């Protein structure tokens, strides 16, 4: 895992506060409004960008990543 500081981008969502991407490690960081921050592995940049630019960020994230923990394992960061 990288020690890089990942810049988070605020998003308009009822559940997600911000997201960021670690390109070298293909990881997406998601900060939820309830305060938890999670790191999702195996995320291609195109998928991250598709979620970030979706009409519904939270719904798209849930359908494409959160519902598939076997493809995108995650760890809680804080």
N, C-alpha and C. Protein backbone atom coordinates (compact mmCIF):
# COMPACT_ATOMS: atom_id res chain seq x y z
N UNK A 1 0.84 -1.18 0.00
CA UNK A 1 0.00 0.00 0.00
C UNK A 1 0.89 1.24 0.00
N UNK A 2 0.45 2.24 -0.71
CA UNK A 2 1.20 3.48 -0.86
C UNK A 2 0.99 4.40 0.34
N UNK A 3 2.00 5.23 0.62
CA UNK A 3 1.88 6.24 1.66
C UNK A 3 1.51 7.59 1.07
N UNK A 4 1.07 7.60 -0.18
CA UNK A 4 0.68 8.84 -0.82
C UNK A 4 -0.53 9.44 -0.13
N UNK A 5 -0.60 10.75 -0.15
CA UNK A 5 -1.80 11.43 0.35
C UNK A 5 -2.74 11.57 -0.84
N UNK A 6 -3.91 11.02 -0.70
CA UNK A 6 -4.89 11.03 -1.78
C UNK A 6 -5.81 12.22 -1.61
N UNK A 7 -5.89 13.05 -2.64
CA UNK A 7 -6.78 14.21 -2.60
C UNK A 7 -8.22 13.74 -2.80
N UNK A 8 -9.09 14.15 -1.89
CA UNK A 8 -10.50 13.80 -2.00
C UNK A 8 -11.27 14.94 -2.64
N UNK A 9 -12.24 14.56 -3.47
CA UNK A 9 -13.09 15.51 -4.17
C UNK A 9 -14.47 15.43 -3.55
N UNK A 10 -15.01 16.56 -3.12
CA UNK A 10 -16.37 16.57 -2.58
C UNK A 10 -17.36 16.23 -3.69
N UNK A 11 -18.37 15.44 -3.33
CA UNK A 11 -19.38 15.04 -4.31
C UNK A 11 -20.77 15.37 -3.78
N UNK A 12 -21.70 15.51 -4.70
CA UNK A 12 -23.10 15.73 -4.31
C UNK A 12 -23.77 14.37 -4.19
N UNK A 13 -24.04 14.00 -2.95
CA UNK A 13 -24.64 12.71 -2.66
C UNK A 13 -25.24 12.78 -1.27
N UNK A 14 -26.30 12.03 -1.06
CA UNK A 14 -26.91 12.01 0.27
C UNK A 14 -26.13 11.13 1.24
N UNK A 15 -25.26 10.26 0.71
CA UNK A 15 -24.53 9.31 1.55
C UNK A 15 -23.01 9.47 1.50
N UNK A 16 -22.47 9.93 0.37
CA UNK A 16 -21.03 10.04 0.19
C UNK A 16 -20.62 11.51 0.28
N UNK A 17 -19.61 11.80 1.10
CA UNK A 17 -19.12 13.17 1.25
C UNK A 17 -18.05 13.50 0.21
N UNK A 18 -17.12 12.55 -0.01
CA UNK A 18 -16.00 12.81 -0.91
C UNK A 18 -15.41 11.49 -1.40
N UNK A 19 -14.68 11.60 -2.52
CA UNK A 19 -14.02 10.44 -3.12
C UNK A 19 -12.64 10.84 -3.62
N UNK A 20 -11.75 9.86 -3.71
CA UNK A 20 -10.43 10.11 -4.27
C UNK A 20 -9.92 8.85 -4.94
N UNK A 21 -8.84 9.00 -5.71
CA UNK A 21 -8.31 7.86 -6.44
C UNK A 21 -6.80 7.78 -6.33
N UNK A 22 -6.30 6.60 -6.06
CA UNK A 22 -4.87 6.30 -5.98
C UNK A 22 -4.53 5.48 -7.22
N UNK A 23 -4.10 6.17 -8.28
CA UNK A 23 -3.83 5.52 -9.55
C UNK A 23 -2.80 4.41 -9.52
N UNK A 24 -1.63 4.64 -8.92
CA UNK A 24 -0.61 3.59 -8.91
C UNK A 24 -1.07 2.29 -8.25
N UNK A 25 -1.97 2.40 -7.28
CA UNK A 25 -2.46 1.21 -6.56
C UNK A 25 -3.86 0.79 -6.98
N UNK A 26 -4.48 1.52 -7.91
CA UNK A 26 -5.84 1.22 -8.38
C UNK A 26 -6.81 1.10 -7.21
N UNK A 27 -6.79 2.10 -6.34
CA UNK A 27 -7.65 2.12 -5.17
C UNK A 27 -8.50 3.38 -5.16
N UNK A 28 -9.73 3.22 -4.75
CA UNK A 28 -10.63 4.35 -4.62
C UNK A 28 -10.91 4.56 -3.13
N UNK A 29 -10.82 5.81 -2.70
CA UNK A 29 -11.13 6.17 -1.32
C UNK A 29 -12.51 6.80 -1.31
N UNK A 30 -13.36 6.33 -0.41
CA UNK A 30 -14.71 6.88 -0.29
C UNK A 30 -14.92 7.30 1.15
N UNK A 31 -15.27 8.57 1.33
CA UNK A 31 -15.57 9.10 2.67
C UNK A 31 -17.07 9.30 2.75
N UNK A 32 -17.68 8.61 3.69
CA UNK A 32 -19.13 8.68 3.84
C UNK A 32 -19.51 9.81 4.79
N UNK A 33 -20.70 10.31 4.64
CA UNK A 33 -21.16 11.41 5.47
C UNK A 33 -21.27 11.02 6.94
N UNK A 34 -21.43 9.73 7.21
CA UNK A 34 -21.50 9.29 8.60
C UNK A 34 -20.12 9.26 9.24
N UNK A 35 -19.08 9.57 8.45
CA UNK A 35 -17.74 9.71 9.01
C UNK A 35 -16.76 8.61 8.66
N UNK A 36 -17.20 7.48 8.17
CA UNK A 36 -16.28 6.40 7.83
C UNK A 36 -15.58 6.66 6.50
N UNK A 37 -14.32 6.25 6.43
CA UNK A 37 -13.55 6.36 5.19
C UNK A 37 -13.05 4.97 4.83
N UNK A 38 -13.33 4.54 3.59
CA UNK A 38 -12.99 3.20 3.15
C UNK A 38 -12.13 3.24 1.89
N UNK A 39 -11.29 2.22 1.77
CA UNK A 39 -10.40 2.07 0.63
C UNK A 39 -10.86 0.83 -0.14
N UNK A 40 -11.24 1.01 -1.40
CA UNK A 40 -11.70 -0.08 -2.26
C UNK A 40 -10.59 -0.42 -3.25
N UNK A 41 -10.22 -1.70 -3.30
CA UNK A 41 -9.12 -2.18 -4.15
C UNK A 41 -9.63 -2.55 -5.55
N UNK A 42 -8.69 -2.66 -6.50
CA UNK A 42 -8.95 -3.15 -7.87
C UNK A 42 -9.85 -2.24 -8.69
N UNK A 43 -9.89 -0.97 -8.39
CA UNK A 43 -10.77 -0.04 -9.11
C UNK A 43 -9.97 0.64 -10.23
N UNK A 44 -10.41 0.44 -11.46
CA UNK A 44 -9.78 1.10 -12.60
C UNK A 44 -10.17 2.58 -12.61
N UNK A 45 -9.30 3.40 -13.16
CA UNK A 45 -9.55 4.84 -13.20
C UNK A 45 -10.86 5.17 -13.93
N UNK A 46 -11.16 4.43 -14.99
CA UNK A 46 -12.39 4.68 -15.76
C UNK A 46 -13.63 4.45 -14.90
N UNK A 47 -13.59 3.44 -14.04
CA UNK A 47 -14.72 3.18 -13.15
C UNK A 47 -14.86 4.30 -12.12
N UNK A 48 -13.74 4.71 -11.54
CA UNK A 48 -13.77 5.83 -10.59
C UNK A 48 -14.37 7.07 -11.25
N UNK A 49 -13.92 7.39 -12.43
CA UNK A 49 -14.42 8.58 -13.13
C UNK A 49 -15.90 8.46 -13.49
N UNK A 50 -16.33 7.26 -13.85
CA UNK A 50 -17.74 7.04 -14.17
C UNK A 50 -18.61 7.29 -12.93
N UNK A 51 -18.16 6.83 -11.78
CA UNK A 51 -18.91 7.05 -10.53
C UNK A 51 -18.90 8.53 -10.18
N UNK A 52 -17.74 9.15 -10.26
CA UNK A 52 -17.59 10.56 -9.91
C UNK A 52 -18.48 11.45 -10.77
N UNK A 53 -18.67 11.09 -12.02
CA UNK A 53 -19.44 11.90 -12.97
C UNK A 53 -20.89 11.44 -13.15
N UNK A 54 -21.32 10.46 -12.40
CA UNK A 54 -22.68 9.93 -12.54
C UNK A 54 -23.71 10.92 -12.02
N UNK A 55 -24.92 10.81 -12.54
CA UNK A 55 -26.02 11.64 -12.05
C UNK A 55 -26.29 11.36 -10.58
N UNK A 56 -26.18 10.09 -10.19
CA UNK A 56 -26.36 9.71 -8.79
C UNK A 56 -25.09 8.98 -8.34
N UNK A 57 -24.20 9.71 -7.69
CA UNK A 57 -22.91 9.15 -7.26
C UNK A 57 -23.12 7.97 -6.32
N UNK A 58 -23.95 8.15 -5.31
CA UNK A 58 -24.15 7.09 -4.31
C UNK A 58 -24.76 5.84 -4.89
N UNK A 59 -25.78 5.99 -5.71
CA UNK A 59 -26.43 4.84 -6.33
C UNK A 59 -25.49 4.11 -7.27
N UNK A 60 -24.75 4.86 -8.07
CA UNK A 60 -23.81 4.25 -9.01
C UNK A 60 -22.71 3.52 -8.27
N UNK A 61 -22.17 4.13 -7.22
CA UNK A 61 -21.15 3.49 -6.40
C UNK A 61 -21.68 2.19 -5.80
N UNK A 62 -22.90 2.23 -5.26
CA UNK A 62 -23.48 1.04 -4.64
C UNK A 62 -23.64 -0.10 -5.64
N UNK A 63 -24.14 0.22 -6.84
CA UNK A 63 -24.37 -0.80 -7.87
C UNK A 63 -23.08 -1.35 -8.44
N UNK A 64 -22.10 -0.49 -8.67
CA UNK A 64 -20.90 -0.90 -9.40
C UNK A 64 -19.76 -1.39 -8.53
N UNK A 65 -19.71 -0.97 -7.27
CA UNK A 65 -18.57 -1.32 -6.41
C UNK A 65 -19.01 -1.96 -5.10
N UNK A 66 -19.80 -1.25 -4.32
CA UNK A 66 -20.13 -1.70 -2.96
C UNK A 66 -20.83 -3.06 -2.95
N UNK A 67 -21.63 -3.32 -3.95
CA UNK A 67 -22.38 -4.59 -4.01
C UNK A 67 -21.51 -5.76 -4.48
N UNK A 68 -20.23 -5.50 -4.79
CA UNK A 68 -19.35 -6.55 -5.31
C UNK A 68 -18.05 -6.64 -4.51
N UNK A 69 -18.15 -6.97 -3.21
CA UNK A 69 -16.93 -7.01 -2.38
C UNK A 69 -15.92 -8.06 -2.83
N UNK A 70 -16.37 -9.08 -3.56
CA UNK A 70 -15.44 -10.08 -4.05
C UNK A 70 -14.54 -9.52 -5.15
N UNK A 71 -15.04 -8.56 -5.91
CA UNK A 71 -14.25 -7.90 -6.96
C UNK A 71 -13.48 -6.69 -6.43
N UNK A 72 -14.09 -6.00 -5.47
CA UNK A 72 -13.52 -4.76 -4.93
C UNK A 72 -13.42 -4.85 -3.41
N UNK A 73 -12.47 -5.65 -2.90
CA UNK A 73 -12.33 -5.76 -1.44
C UNK A 73 -12.03 -4.40 -0.83
N UNK A 74 -12.47 -4.21 0.40
CA UNK A 74 -12.30 -2.91 1.03
C UNK A 74 -11.79 -3.04 2.44
N UNK A 75 -11.19 -1.94 2.90
CA UNK A 75 -10.76 -1.83 4.28
C UNK A 75 -11.19 -0.48 4.81
N UNK A 76 -11.50 -0.44 6.10
CA UNK A 76 -11.87 0.83 6.71
C UNK A 76 -10.59 1.55 7.10
N UNK A 77 -10.49 2.82 6.70
CA UNK A 77 -9.30 3.61 7.03
C UNK A 77 -9.49 4.44 8.28
N UNK A 78 -10.69 4.93 8.51
CA UNK A 78 -10.95 5.73 9.71
C UNK A 78 -12.42 5.74 10.01
